[in-house]
């Protein structure tokens, strides 16, 4: 009977996880043999699955921190630039005309 992915992940200790992660990173097994593409893909899937069960999100492979609300920051910057441009604009027919 085949083991479930959860059972497989439960069988990976931190030392094996480290070896798998290094193998994925450098493309070679600890004995120096090159990983085949399918081995690399499967090892990466195991690394990601192990991290999901054992690590906080910020420590996982591929983690990107949350971005600030770009749309609000962009609108604020546009408003500030418009205000500065309006303050520095010259209107013909004003006091100098």
Protein backbone atom coordinates (compact mmCIF):
# COMPACT_ATOMS: atom_id res chain seq x y z
CA UNK A 1 0.00 0.00 0.00
CA UNK A 2 1.38 3.41 -0.96
CA UNK A 3 2.00 5.97 1.78
CA UNK A 4 0.04 9.20 1.73
CA UNK A 5 1.93 12.45 1.22
CA UNK A 6 1.25 13.32 4.84
CA UNK A 7 2.80 10.03 6.02
CA UNK A 8 5.76 10.60 3.74
CA UNK A 9 6.31 14.11 5.13
CA UNK A 10 5.99 12.82 8.70
CA UNK A 11 8.86 10.42 7.96
CA UNK A 12 11.24 13.23 7.00
CA UNK A 13 13.43 14.50 9.82
CA UNK A 14 15.20 17.87 9.79
CA UNK A 15 18.49 16.32 8.60
CA UNK A 16 16.84 14.69 5.57
CA UNK A 17 14.94 17.92 4.88
CA UNK A 18 18.26 19.82 4.85
CA UNK A 19 19.81 17.31 2.44
CA UNK A 20 16.80 17.50 0.12
CA UNK A 21 16.82 21.29 0.16
CA UNK A 22 20.55 21.44 -0.59
CA UNK A 23 20.12 18.92 -3.40
CA UNK A 24 17.40 21.06 -4.97
CA UNK A 25 19.50 24.22 -4.58
CA UNK A 26 22.72 22.85 -6.10
CA UNK A 27 21.24 20.16 -8.37
CA UNK A 28 23.30 17.35 -6.84
CA UNK A 29 22.76 14.63 -4.25
CA UNK A 30 25.11 14.55 -1.25
CA UNK A 31 27.21 11.90 -3.07
CA UNK A 32 27.80 14.35 -5.96
CA UNK A 33 25.48 12.67 -8.45
CA UNK A 34 23.38 15.11 -10.47
CA UNK A 35 19.64 15.17 -9.88
CA UNK A 36 17.46 14.36 -12.84
CA UNK A 37 14.78 16.95 -13.58
CA UNK A 38 12.01 14.72 -12.19
CA UNK A 39 14.04 14.10 -9.01
CA UNK A 40 14.56 17.83 -8.56
CA UNK A 41 10.86 18.53 -9.01
CA UNK A 42 9.84 15.81 -6.54
CA UNK A 43 12.47 16.86 -3.99
CA UNK A 44 11.27 20.47 -4.23
CA UNK A 45 7.68 19.36 -3.68
CA UNK A 46 8.78 17.44 -0.57
CA UNK A 47 10.76 20.45 0.72
CA UNK A 48 7.77 22.75 0.29
CA UNK A 49 5.36 20.26 1.88
CA UNK A 50 7.73 19.65 4.84
CA UNK A 51 8.16 23.40 5.38
CA UNK A 52 4.39 23.89 5.33
CA UNK A 53 4.03 21.45 8.25
CA UNK A 54 7.11 22.46 10.24
CA UNK A 55 8.00 26.10 9.62
CA UNK A 56 6.33 29.49 10.05
CA UNK A 57 5.32 31.15 6.76
CA UNK A 58 8.13 33.72 6.77
CA UNK A 59 10.78 30.95 6.90
CA UNK A 60 9.42 28.88 4.00
CA UNK A 61 10.88 28.54 0.51
CA UNK A 62 9.48 31.19 -1.80
CA UNK A 63 8.03 33.39 0.94
CA UNK A 64 7.32 36.95 -0.09
CA UNK A 65 6.39 39.45 2.61
CA UNK A 66 3.04 41.19 2.25
CA UNK A 67 3.14 44.26 0.06
CA UNK A 68 1.79 47.53 1.33
CA UNK A 69 -1.44 48.65 -0.29
CA UNK A 70 0.09 49.90 -3.53
CA UNK A 71 -3.11 51.49 -4.77
CA UNK A 72 -3.52 53.68 -1.65
CA UNK A 73 0.16 54.68 -1.70
CA UNK A 74 -0.06 55.43 -5.40
CA UNK A 75 -3.13 57.62 -4.98
CA UNK A 76 -1.47 59.49 -2.11
CA UNK A 77 1.67 60.10 -4.18
CA UNK A 78 -0.38 61.33 -7.16
CA UNK A 79 -2.33 63.72 -4.92
CA UNK A 80 0.88 65.07 -3.37
CA UNK A 81 2.47 65.60 -6.81
CA UNK A 82 -0.65 67.38 -8.10
CA UNK A 83 -0.71 69.64 -5.06
CA UNK A 84 2.99 70.49 -5.54
CA UNK A 85 2.48 71.09 -9.26
CA UNK A 86 -0.50 73.35 -8.60
CA UNK A 87 1.49 75.33 -6.03
CA UNK A 88 4.37 75.83 -8.47
CA UNK A 89 2.33 76.58 -11.58
CA UNK A 90 2.38 79.98 -13.27
CA UNK A 91 -0.92 81.37 -14.48
CA UNK A 92 -0.76 83.96 -17.30
CA UNK A 93 -2.68 87.15 -16.59
CA UNK A 94 -1.92 87.02 -12.90
CA UNK A 95 -0.16 89.75 -10.90
CA UNK A 96 2.73 90.04 -13.38
CA UNK A 97 0.49 90.77 -16.38
